C-alpha atoms as a PDB file:
ATOM      1  CA  UNK A   1      59.596 -27.335 160.262  1.00  0.00           C
ATOM      2  CA  UNK A   2      55.986 -27.551 161.284  1.00  0.00           C
ATOM      3  CA  UNK A   3      53.088 -28.869 159.567  1.00  0.00           C
ATOM      4  CA  UNK A   4      50.532 -26.083 158.395  1.00  0.00           C
ATOM      5  CA  UNK A   5      48.121 -28.265 160.372  1.00  0.00           C
ATOM      6  CA  UNK A   6      50.713 -27.702 163.170  1.00  0.00           C
ATOM      7  CA  UNK A   7      50.482 -24.101 162.714  1.00  0.00           C
ATOM      8  CA  UNK A   8      46.866 -24.003 162.296  1.00  0.00           C
ATOM      9  CA  UNK A   9      46.738 -25.571 165.632  1.00  0.00           C
ATOM     10  CA  UNK A  10      48.958 -23.384 167.242  1.00  0.00           C
ATOM     11  CA  UNK A  11      47.244 -20.314 166.047  1.00  0.00           C
ATOM     12  CA  UNK A  12      43.722 -21.683 166.734  1.00  0.00           C
ATOM     13  CA  UNK A  13      44.852 -22.649 170.535  1.00  0.00           C
ATOM     14  CA  UNK A  14      46.717 -19.080 170.827  1.00  0.00           C
ATOM     15  CA  UNK A  15      43.502 -17.424 169.776  1.00  0.00           C
ATOM     16  CA  UNK A  16      41.911 -19.065 172.690  1.00  0.00           C
ATOM     17  CA  UNK A  17      44.300 -18.339 175.202  1.00  0.00           C
ATOM     18  CA  UNK A  18      43.149 -14.823 174.277  1.00  0.00           C
ATOM     19  CA  UNK A  19      39.763 -15.210 174.640  1.00  0.00           C
ATOM     20  CA  UNK A  20      40.791 -16.255 178.054  1.00  0.00           C
ATOM     21  CA  UNK A  21      43.132 -13.263 179.374  1.00  0.00           C
ATOM     22  CA  UNK A  22      40.814 -10.534 177.485  1.00  0.00           C
ATOM     23  CA  UNK A  23      37.636 -12.244 179.805  1.00  0.00           C
ATOM     24  CA  UNK A  24      39.600 -12.166 182.913  1.00  0.00           C
ATOM     25  CA  UNK A  25      40.850  -8.751 181.942  1.00  0.00           C
ATOM     26  CA  UNK A  26      37.307  -7.336 181.554  1.00  0.00           C
ATOM     27  CA  UNK A  27      36.721  -9.268 185.052  1.00  0.00           C
ATOM     28  CA  UNK A  28      39.132  -7.570 186.937  1.00  0.00           C
ATOM     29  CA  UNK A  29      38.431  -4.624 186.237  1.00  0.00           C
ATOM     30  CA  UNK A  30      35.151  -4.954 187.169  1.00  0.00           C
ATOM     31  CA  UNK A  31      36.130  -6.043 190.302  1.00  0.00           C
ATOM     32  CA  UNK A  32      38.794  -3.552 190.865  1.00  0.00           C
ATOM     33  CA  UNK A  33      36.071  -0.525 190.870  1.00  0.00           C
ATOM     34  CA  UNK A  34      34.352  -1.966 194.212  1.00  0.00           C
ATOM     35  CA  UNK A  35      37.568  -3.019 195.931  1.00  0.00           C
ATOM     36  CA  UNK A  36      39.729   0.396 194.983  1.00  0.00           C
ATOM     37  CA  UNK A  37      36.275   1.921 195.826  1.00  0.00           C
ATOM     38  CA  UNK A  38      36.328   0.314 199.154  1.00  0.00           C
ATOM     39  CA  UNK A  39      40.123   0.453 199.743  1.00  0.00           C
ATOM     40  CA  UNK A  40      39.971   4.408 199.671  1.00  0.00           C
ATOM     41  CA  UNK A  41      36.901   4.507 201.443  1.00  0.00           C
ATOM     42  CA  UNK A  42      39.046   2.654 204.550  1.00  0.00           C
ATOM     43  CA  UNK A  43      41.859   5.020 204.367  1.00  0.00           C
ATOM     44  CA  UNK A  44      40.238   8.259 206.216  1.00  0.00           C
ATOM     45  CA  UNK A  45      39.204   6.028 209.021  1.00  0.00           C
ATOM     46  CA  UNK A  46      42.587   4.716 209.703  1.00  0.00           C
ATOM     47  CA  UNK A  47      44.322   7.538 209.581  1.00  0.00           C
ATOM     48  CA  UNK A  48      42.453   9.411 211.780  1.00  0.00           C
ATOM     49  CA  UNK A  49      42.471   6.219 214.309  1.00  0.00           C
ATOM     50  CA  UNK A  50      46.033   6.653 214.212  1.00  0.00           C
ATOM     51  CA  UNK A  51      45.703  10.493 214.839  1.00  0.00           C
ATOM     52  CA  UNK A  52      43.913   9.576 218.016  1.00  0.00           C
ATOM     53  CA  UNK A  53      46.026   7.448 219.422  1.00  0.00           C
ATOM     54  CA  UNK A  54      49.010  10.115 218.705  1.00  0.00           C
ATOM     55  CA  UNK A  55      46.880  12.461 220.714  1.00  0.00           C
ATOM     56  CA  UNK A  56      45.993   9.769 223.665  1.00  0.00           C
ATOM     57  CA  UNK A  57      49.517   8.630 223.868  1.00  0.00           C
ATOM     58  CA  UNK A  58      51.092  11.970 224.554  1.00  0.00           C
ATOM     59  CA  UNK A  59      49.350  12.180 227.766  1.00  0.00           C
ATOM     60  CA  UNK A  60      50.309   8.815 228.792  1.00  0.00           C
ATOM     61  CA  UNK A  61      54.178   7.089 229.401  1.00  0.00           C
ATOM     62  CA  UNK A  62      56.041   4.442 231.151  1.00  0.00           C
ATOM     63  CA  UNK A  63      54.271   1.826 233.128  1.00  0.00           C
ATOM     64  CA  UNK A  64      50.388   2.961 232.669  1.00  0.00           C
ATOM     65  CA  UNK A  65      50.836   2.669 228.729  1.00  0.00           C
ATOM     66  CA  UNK A  66      49.091  -0.785 227.802  1.00  0.00           C
ATOM     67  CA  UNK A  67      51.329  -2.995 226.395  1.00  0.00           C
ATOM     68  CA  UNK A  68      49.765  -3.009 222.653  1.00  0.00           C
ATOM     69  CA  UNK A  69      51.362   0.590 222.230  1.00  0.00           C
ATOM     70  CA  UNK A  70      54.584   0.328 224.745  1.00  0.00           C
ATOM     71  CA  UNK A  71      55.180  -3.800 224.084  1.00  0.00           C
ATOM     72  CA  UNK A  72      56.863  -5.723 227.016  1.00  0.00           C
ATOM     73  CA  UNK A  73      60.070  -4.074 226.503  1.00  0.00           C
ATOM     74  CA  UNK A  74      61.920  -6.967 224.358  1.00  0.00           C
ATOM     75  CA  UNK A  75      62.072  -7.888 220.452  1.00  0.00           C
ATOM     76  CA  UNK A  76      63.643 -11.634 220.414  1.00  0.00           C
ATOM     77  CA  UNK A  77      60.850 -12.809 219.110  1.00  0.00           C
ATOM     78  CA  UNK A  78      59.417 -11.243 215.738  1.00  0.00           C
ATOM     79  CA  UNK A  79      55.878 -12.422 214.269  1.00  0.00           C
ATOM     80  CA  UNK A  80      55.498 -11.805 210.861  1.00  0.00           C
ATOM     81  CA  UNK A  81      52.199 -11.555 209.217  1.00  0.00           C
ATOM     82  CA  UNK A  82      52.367 -11.682 205.317  1.00  0.00           C
ATOM     83  CA  UNK A  83      48.790 -11.131 203.537  1.00  0.00           C
ATOM     84  CA  UNK A  84      49.445 -11.986 199.996  1.00  0.00           C
ATOM     85  CA  UNK A  85      46.304 -13.495 197.308  1.00  0.00           C
ATOM     86  CA  UNK A  86      44.894 -16.435 197.315  1.00  0.00           C
ATOM     87  CA  UNK A  87      44.877 -16.777 193.634  1.00  0.00           C
ATOM     88  CA  UNK A  88      47.611 -16.437 190.415  1.00  0.00           C
ATOM     89  CA  UNK A  89      47.558 -14.918 187.489  1.00  0.00           C
ATOM     90  CA  UNK A  90      48.508 -11.438 189.169  1.00  0.00           C
ATOM     91  CA  UNK A  91      52.018 -10.688 187.666  1.00  0.00           C
ATOM     92  CA  UNK A  92      54.159  -9.844 190.581  1.00  0.00           C
ATOM     93  CA  UNK A  93      51.578  -8.350 192.843  1.00  0.00           C
ATOM     94  CA  UNK A  94      52.532 -11.771 194.991  1.00  0.00           C
ATOM     95  CA  UNK A  95      56.372 -12.134 194.787  1.00  0.00           C
ATOM     96  CA  UNK A  96      57.025  -8.289 195.498  1.00  0.00           C
ATOM     97  CA  UNK A  97      55.174  -8.580 198.902  1.00  0.00           C
ATOM     98  CA  UNK A  98      56.700 -12.198 199.874  1.00  0.00           C
ATOM     99  CA  UNK A  99      60.146 -10.525 198.561  1.00  0.00           C
ATOM    100  CA  UNK A 100      59.969  -7.753 201.162  1.00  0.00           C
ATOM    101  CA  UNK A 101      58.701 -10.324 203.781  1.00  0.00           C
ATOM    102  CA  UNK A 102      62.118 -12.187 202.920  1.00  0.00           C
ATOM    103  CA  UNK A 103      64.435  -9.537 203.321  1.00  0.00           C
ATOM    104  CA  UNK A 104      62.612  -8.449 206.522  1.00  0.00           C
ATOM    105  CA  UNK A 105      62.699 -12.453 208.095  1.00  0.00           C
ATOM    106  CA  UNK A 106      66.387 -12.919 206.741  1.00  0.00           C
ATOM    107  CA  UNK A 107      67.626  -9.733 208.357  1.00  0.00           C
ATOM    108  CA  UNK A 108      66.234 -11.155 211.751  1.00  0.00           C
ATOM    109  CA  UNK A 109      67.287 -14.239 211.322  1.00  0.00           C
ATOM    110  CA  UNK A 110      70.787 -12.969 211.257  1.00  0.00           C
ATOM    111  CA  UNK A 111      70.546 -10.997 214.166  1.00  0.00           C
ATOM    112  CA  UNK A 112      69.654 -13.848 216.229  1.00  0.00           C
ATOM    113  CA  UNK A 113      65.440 -13.552 216.654  1.00  0.00           C
ATOM    114  CA  UNK A 114      63.219 -15.929 216.273  1.00  0.00           C
ATOM    115  CA  UNK A 115      61.146 -15.803 213.871  1.00  0.00           C
ATOM    116  CA  UNK A 116      57.289 -16.804 213.644  1.00  0.00           C
ATOM    117  CA  UNK A 117      55.031 -16.459 210.130  1.00  0.00           C
ATOM    118  CA  UNK A 118      51.964 -16.239 210.367  1.00  0.00           C
ATOM    119  CA  UNK A 119      50.329 -16.273 206.801  1.00  0.00           C
ATOM    120  CA  UNK A 120      47.441 -14.872 204.818  1.00  0.00           C
ATOM    121  CA  UNK A 121      46.489 -15.799 201.934  1.00  0.00           C
ATOM    122  CA  UNK A 122      47.811 -19.236 199.994  1.00  0.00           C
ATOM    123  CA  UNK A 123      50.250 -17.732 197.783  1.00  0.00           C
ATOM    124  CA  UNK A 124      52.606 -16.326 199.965  1.00  0.00           C
ATOM    125  CA  UNK A 125      52.353 -19.587 202.043  1.00  0.00           C
ATOM    126  CA  UNK A 126      53.247 -21.390 199.151  1.00  0.00           C
ATOM    127  CA  UNK A 127      56.461 -18.934 198.297  1.00  0.00           C
ATOM    128  CA  UNK A 128      57.454 -18.963 201.879  1.00  0.00           C
ATOM    129  CA  UNK A 129      57.356 -22.596 202.617  1.00  0.00           C
ATOM    130  CA  UNK A 130      60.292 -23.867 200.650  1.00  0.00           C
ATOM    131  CA  UNK A 131      62.229 -21.830 202.873  1.00  0.00           C
ATOM    132  CA  UNK A 132      61.019 -21.259 206.086  1.00  0.00           C
ATOM    133  CA  UNK A 133      58.670 -23.721 206.257  1.00  0.00           C
ATOM    134  CA  UNK A 134      59.999 -24.677 210.288  1.00  0.00           C
ATOM    135  CA  UNK A 135      59.192 -21.049 211.037  1.00  0.00           C
ATOM    136  CA  UNK A 136      55.663 -20.719 209.604  1.00  0.00           C
ATOM    137  CA  UNK A 137      52.848 -21.226 212.648  1.00  0.00           C
ATOM    138  CA  UNK A 138      49.982 -21.105 210.481  1.00  0.00           C
ATOM    139  CA  UNK A 139      47.825 -20.339 207.260  1.00  0.00           C
ATOM    140  CA  UNK A 140      44.685 -18.155 207.530  1.00  0.00           C
ATOM    141  CA  UNK A 141      42.842 -19.647 204.198  1.00  0.00           C
ATOM    142  CA  UNK A 142      40.308 -16.868 202.509  1.00  0.00           C
ATOM    143  CA  UNK A 143      39.604 -18.801 199.818  1.00  0.00           C
ATOM    144  CA  UNK A 144      36.241 -19.579 200.758  1.00  0.00           C
ATOM    145  CA  UNK A 145      35.094 -15.506 201.275  1.00  0.00           C
ATOM    146  CA  UNK A 146      33.852 -13.677 198.158  1.00  0.00           C
ATOM    147  CA  UNK A 147      34.532  -9.982 199.709  1.00  0.00           C
ATOM    148  CA  UNK A 148      36.838  -9.357 202.788  1.00  0.00           C
ATOM    149  CA  UNK A 149      34.925  -8.260 205.883  1.00  0.00           C
ATOM    150  CA  UNK A 150      35.670  -6.058 208.888  1.00  0.00           C
ATOM    151  CA  UNK A 151      34.635  -9.790 210.418  1.00  0.00           C
ATOM    152  CA  UNK A 152      37.071 -11.609 208.867  1.00  0.00           C
ATOM    153  CA  UNK A 153      40.245  -8.985 210.008  1.00  0.00           C
ATOM    154  CA  UNK A 154      38.518  -9.036 213.271  1.00  0.00           C
ATOM    155  CA  UNK A 155      39.466 -13.285 213.648  1.00  0.00           C
ATOM    156  CA  UNK A 156      43.030 -12.493 212.556  1.00  0.00           C
ATOM    157  CA  UNK A 157      43.405  -9.873 215.097  1.00  0.00           C
ATOM    158  CA  UNK A 158      41.906 -12.082 217.940  1.00  0.00           C
ATOM    159  CA  UNK A 159      44.475 -13.750 217.172  1.00  0.00           C
ATOM    160  CA  UNK A 160      47.305 -11.528 217.123  1.00  0.00           C
ATOM    161  CA  UNK A 161      46.242 -10.205 220.525  1.00  0.00           C
ATOM    162  CA  UNK A 162      46.049 -13.680 222.454  1.00  0.00           C
ATOM    163  CA  UNK A 163      49.570 -14.626 221.296  1.00  0.00           C
ATOM    164  CA  UNK A 164      50.773 -11.141 222.301  1.00  0.00           C
ATOM    165  CA  UNK A 165      48.556 -11.885 226.010  1.00  0.00           C
ATOM    166  CA  UNK A 166      50.394 -15.341 225.621  1.00  0.00           C
ATOM    167  CA  UNK A 167      53.825 -14.523 225.374  1.00  0.00           C
ATOM    168  CA  UNK A 168      54.267 -15.900 222.079  1.00  0.00           C
ATOM    169  CA  UNK A 169      55.696 -12.785 220.540  1.00  0.00           C
ATOM    170  CA  UNK A 170      57.085  -9.588 221.218  1.00  0.00           C
ATOM    171  CA  UNK A 171      57.038  -7.681 217.829  1.00  0.00           C
ATOM    172  CA  UNK A 172      54.417  -8.342 214.896  1.00  0.00           C
ATOM    173  CA  UNK A 173      55.044  -6.967 211.606  1.00  0.00           C
ATOM    174  CA  UNK A 174      52.143  -6.881 208.823  1.00  0.00           C
ATOM    175  CA  UNK A 175      53.296  -7.120 205.229  1.00  0.00           C
ATOM    176  CA  UNK A 176      50.503  -6.335 202.352  1.00  0.00           C
ATOM    177  CA  UNK A 177      51.226  -4.183 199.167  1.00  0.00           C
ATOM    178  CA  UNK A 178      49.371  -0.786 199.051  1.00  0.00           C
ATOM    179  CA  UNK A 179      47.111   0.152 196.024  1.00  0.00           C
ATOM    180  CA  UNK A 180      48.404   3.531 194.516  1.00  0.00           C
ATOM    181  CA  UNK A 181      46.879   2.771 190.577  1.00  0.00           C
ATOM    182  CA  UNK A 182      46.708  -0.300 188.381  1.00  0.00           C
ATOM    183  CA  UNK A 183      50.290  -0.324 187.116  1.00  0.00           C
ATOM    184  CA  UNK A 184      51.962   0.821 190.448  1.00  0.00           C
ATOM    185  CA  UNK A 185      51.068  -1.579 193.926  1.00  0.00           C
ATOM    186  CA  UNK A 186      53.815  -0.172 196.664  1.00  0.00           C
ATOM    187  CA  UNK A 187      54.764  -3.820 199.050  1.00  0.00           C
ATOM    188  CA  UNK A 188      54.432  -2.412 202.593  1.00  0.00           C
ATOM    189  CA  UNK A 189      55.791  -3.087 206.197  1.00  0.00           C
ATOM    190  CA  UNK A 190      53.934  -2.176 208.968  1.00  0.00           C
ATOM    191  CA  UNK A 191      54.636  -2.631 212.574  1.00  0.00           C
ATOM    192  CA  UNK A 192      51.199  -3.130 214.560  1.00  0.00           C
ATOM    193  CA  UNK A 193      52.442  -4.507 218.483  1.00  0.00           C
ATOM    194  CA  UNK A 194      53.366  -2.918 219.876  1.00  0.00           C
ATOM    195  CA  UNK A 195      51.840   0.058 217.936  1.00  0.00           C
ATOM    196  CA  UNK A 196      53.664   2.894 215.923  1.00  0.00           C
ATOM    197  CA  UNK A 197      52.093   5.855 216.982  1.00  0.00           C
ATOM    198  CA  UNK A 198      52.926   8.939 214.396  1.00  0.00           C
ATOM    199  CA  UNK A 199      54.443  11.882 215.710  1.00  0.00           C
ATOM    200  CA  UNK A 200      51.761  14.275 215.217  1.00  0.00           C
ATOM    201  CA  UNK A 201      51.932  18.165 214.965  1.00  0.00           C
ATOM    202  CA  UNK A 202      51.139  19.670 218.649  1.00  0.00           C
ATOM    203  CA  UNK A 203      47.689  20.185 219.311  1.00  0.00           C
ATOM    204  CA  UNK A 204      45.931  23.226 219.047  1.00  0.00           C
ATOM    205  CA  UNK A 205      43.740  22.874 221.922  1.00  0.00           C
ATOM    206  CA  UNK A 206      44.354  20.677 225.411  1.00  0.00           C
ATOM    207  CA  UNK A 207      41.978  17.600 225.158  1.00  0.00           C
ATOM    208  CA  UNK A 208      40.334  16.215 228.459  1.00  0.00           C
ATOM    209  CA  UNK A 209      39.520  12.608 228.381  1.00  0.00           C
ATOM    210  CA  UNK A 210      37.148  10.512 230.045  1.00  0.00           C
ATOM    211  CA  UNK A 211      37.521   8.158 231.351  1.00  0.00           C
ATOM    212  CA  UNK A 212      41.469   8.596 231.232  1.00  0.00           C
ATOM    213  CA  UNK A 213      43.899   7.828 228.510  1.00  0.00           C
ATOM    214  CA  UNK A 214      44.851   4.789 229.520  1.00  0.00           C
ATOM    215  CA  UNK A 215      41.484   3.206 229.775  1.00  0.00           C
ATOM    216  CA  UNK A 216      40.146   4.156 226.499  1.00  0.00           C
ATOM    217  CA  UNK A 217      43.958   2.650 224.765  1.00  0.00           C
ATOM    218  CA  UNK A 218      43.473  -0.284 226.488  1.00  0.00           C
ATOM    219  CA  UNK A 219      40.009  -0.627 224.081  1.00  0.00           C
ATOM    220  CA  UNK A 220      40.756   1.549 221.531  1.00  0.00           C
ATOM    221  CA  UNK A 221      44.401  -0.513 220.764  1.00  0.00           C
ATOM    222  CA  UNK A 222      42.861  -4.023 220.129  1.00  0.00           C
ATOM    223  CA  UNK A 223      40.269  -1.877 217.603  1.00  0.00           C
ATOM    224  CA  UNK A 224      42.860  -0.122 215.946  1.00  0.00           C
ATOM    225  CA  UNK A 225      44.527  -3.319 215.347  1.00  0.00           C
ATOM    226  CA  UNK A 226      41.511  -4.956 213.717  1.00  0.00           C
ATOM    227  CA  UNK A 227      41.320  -1.525 211.825  1.00  0.00           C
ATOM    228  CA  UNK A 228      45.015  -1.531 210.055  1.00  0.00           C
ATOM    229  CA  UNK A 229      44.996  -5.343 209.683  1.00  0.00           C
ATOM    230  CA  UNK A 230      41.116  -4.841 207.394  1.00  0.00           C
ATOM    231  CA  UNK A 231      43.103  -1.907 205.771  1.00  0.00           C
ATOM    232  CA  UNK A 232      45.579  -3.927 204.537  1.00  0.00           C
ATOM    233  CA  UNK A 233      43.339  -6.731 203.588  1.00  0.00           C
ATOM    234  CA  UNK A 234      41.384  -4.016 201.659  1.00  0.00           C
ATOM    235  CA  UNK A 235      44.296  -2.589 199.845  1.00  0.00           C
ATOM    236  CA  UNK A 236      45.758  -6.320 198.784  1.00  0.00           C
ATOM    237  CA  UNK A 237      42.396  -6.455 197.250  1.00  0.00           C
ATOM    238  CA  UNK A 238      42.427  -3.729 195.567  1.00  0.00           C
ATOM    239  CA  UNK A 239      46.582  -4.429 194.468  1.00  0.00           C
ATOM    240  CA  UNK A 240      45.184  -8.056 193.205  1.00  0.00           C
ATOM    241  CA  UNK A 241      42.870  -6.619 191.409  1.00  0.00           C
ATOM    242  CA  UNK A 242      44.627  -3.950 189.650  1.00  0.00           C
ATOM    243  CA  UNK A 243      47.550  -6.177 189.495  1.00  0.00           C
ATOM    244  CA  UNK A 244      45.801  -8.689 187.017  1.00  0.00           C
ATOM    245  CA  UNK A 245      43.907  -6.453 185.190  1.00  0.00           C
ATOM    246  CA  UNK A 246      47.272  -5.139 183.858  1.00  0.00           C
ATOM    247  CA  UNK A 247      49.245  -8.512 183.779  1.00  0.00           C
ATOM    248  CA  UNK A 248      46.261  -9.813 181.509  1.00  0.00           C
ATOM    249  CA  UNK A 249      46.075  -6.977 179.862  1.00  0.00           C
ATOM    250  CA  UNK A 250      50.004  -7.506 178.745  1.00  0.00           C
ATOM    251  CA  UNK A 251      49.161 -10.929 178.157  1.00  0.00           C
ATOM    252  CA  UNK A 252      46.454 -10.161 175.617  1.00  0.00           C
ATOM    253  CA  UNK A 253      48.607  -8.012 173.589  1.00  0.00           C
ATOM    254  CA  UNK A 254      51.598 -10.587 173.752  1.00  0.00           C
ATOM    255  CA  UNK A 255      48.641 -13.632 172.319  1.00  0.00           C
ATOM    256  CA  UNK A 256      48.076 -10.812 170.111  1.00  0.00           C
ATOM    257  CA  UNK A 257      51.446 -10.875 169.008  1.00  0.00           C
ATOM    258  CA  UNK A 258      52.316 -14.415 168.670  1.00  0.00           C
ATOM    259  CA  UNK A 259      48.932 -14.731 166.582  1.00  0.00           C
ATOM    260  CA  UNK A 260      49.812 -12.249 164.487  1.00  0.00           C
ATOM    261  CA  UNK A 261      53.316 -14.103 163.748  1.00  0.00           C
ATOM    262  CA  UNK A 262      52.306 -17.472 163.495  1.00  0.00           C
ATOM    263  CA  UNK A 263      49.690 -16.728 160.833  1.00  0.00           C
ATOM    264  CA  UNK A 264      52.495 -14.957 158.510  1.00  0.00           C
ATOM    265  CA  UNK A 265      54.771 -17.848 159.373  1.00  0.00           C
ATOM    266  CA  UNK A 266      51.003 -20.045 158.269  1.00  0.00           C
ATOM    267  CA  UNK A 267      51.102 -17.490 154.945  1.00  0.00           C
ATOM    268  CA  UNK A 268      54.685 -18.132 154.299  1.00  0.00           C
ATOM    269  CA  UNK A 269      54.643 -21.911 154.482  1.00  0.00           C
ATOM    270  CA  UNK A 270      51.647 -22.032 152.552  1.00  0.00           C
ATOM    271  CA  UNK A 271      52.829 -19.705 149.901  1.00  0.00           C
ATOM    272  CA  UNK A 272      56.004 -22.071 149.701  1.00  0.00           C
ATOM    273  CA  UNK A 273      54.031 -24.897 149.068  1.00  0.00           C
ATOM    274  CA  UNK A 274      51.690 -23.500 146.124  1.00  0.00           C
ATOM    275  CA  UNK A 275      55.024 -22.233 144.438  1.00  0.00           C
ATOM    276  CA  UNK A 276      56.370 -25.775 144.977  1.00  0.00           C
ATOM    277  CA  UNK A 277      53.638 -28.329 143.624  1.00  0.00           C
ATOM    278  CA  UNK A 278      53.205 -25.087 140.537  1.00  0.00           C
ATOM    279  CA  UNK A 279      57.070 -25.819 139.992  1.00  0.00           C
ATOM    280  CA  UNK A 280      56.597 -29.204 140.008  1.00  0.00           C
ATOM    281  CA  UNK A 281      54.113 -29.617 137.518  1.00  0.00           C
ATOM    282  CA  UNK A 282      55.220 -26.912 134.890  1.00  0.00           C
ATOM    283  CA  UNK A 283      58.509 -29.311 135.188  1.00  0.00           C
ATOM    284  CA  UNK A 284      56.590 -31.731 134.456  1.00  0.00           C
ATOM    285  CA  UNK A 285      54.534 -29.860 131.369  1.00  0.00           C
ATOM    286  CA  UNK A 286      57.935 -29.457 129.820  1.00  0.00           C
ATOM    287  CA  UNK A 287      59.580 -32.678 130.204  1.00  0.00           C
ATOM    288  CA  UNK A 288      56.655 -34.324 128.411  1.00  0.00           C
END
């Protein structure tokens, strides 16, 4: 049975941990407001970009379509871009993205595909390297970035495009977590090369483009790739803070319950010790 000093040390240790988790929860809540606003502001632009691409793609087909839209006709080499956080203590946020990526990777390997993995974020790399270290081609480190910007997405997009033009892969899939609420983040897999154009409703009016659709798509598709990666990074940033806020809230509550239990145990042990001393005093007095 632990001594009273041990119980006091335990209570003090848990109280110190509770202060840390409470502070981290408040910091995450402050960061979440900015990250959520940025993610929600990026959604309409990315959605409209997809709608414009769908409209342009409807007027072009066959050999006239750019490679980023039509692909190269093969899907043997798969590139998986796994976006996770640089830090932990955010619940199952990183694990849920890695779990989805692992399912897709295993399915591709089972089909005899060649898999290449580009990790954006340290936590995803740490989990994937245990099983797929030989498939990981590089890790994009964003630890020095205070707030994710368009320039970060542009650097990743340029590398993805250059690899595709060099024939290093056939299909690229982006993994991230879409923010829904503080307690709900949705792991998402999105094919970005060749671009998946959503099937939209027939246009109510005919549009004439100048220059032609193919030339516009040649310029627009790389920008769309950057926009989709940027949206993924913003969604991840909001999801990370939401998951951290929820995890730290649960940790603070658990610490409070542990403090309560340890305090009760401390009081009972102290009462038992006082009772024992009183019994010894009374027994000694009666013996005299």
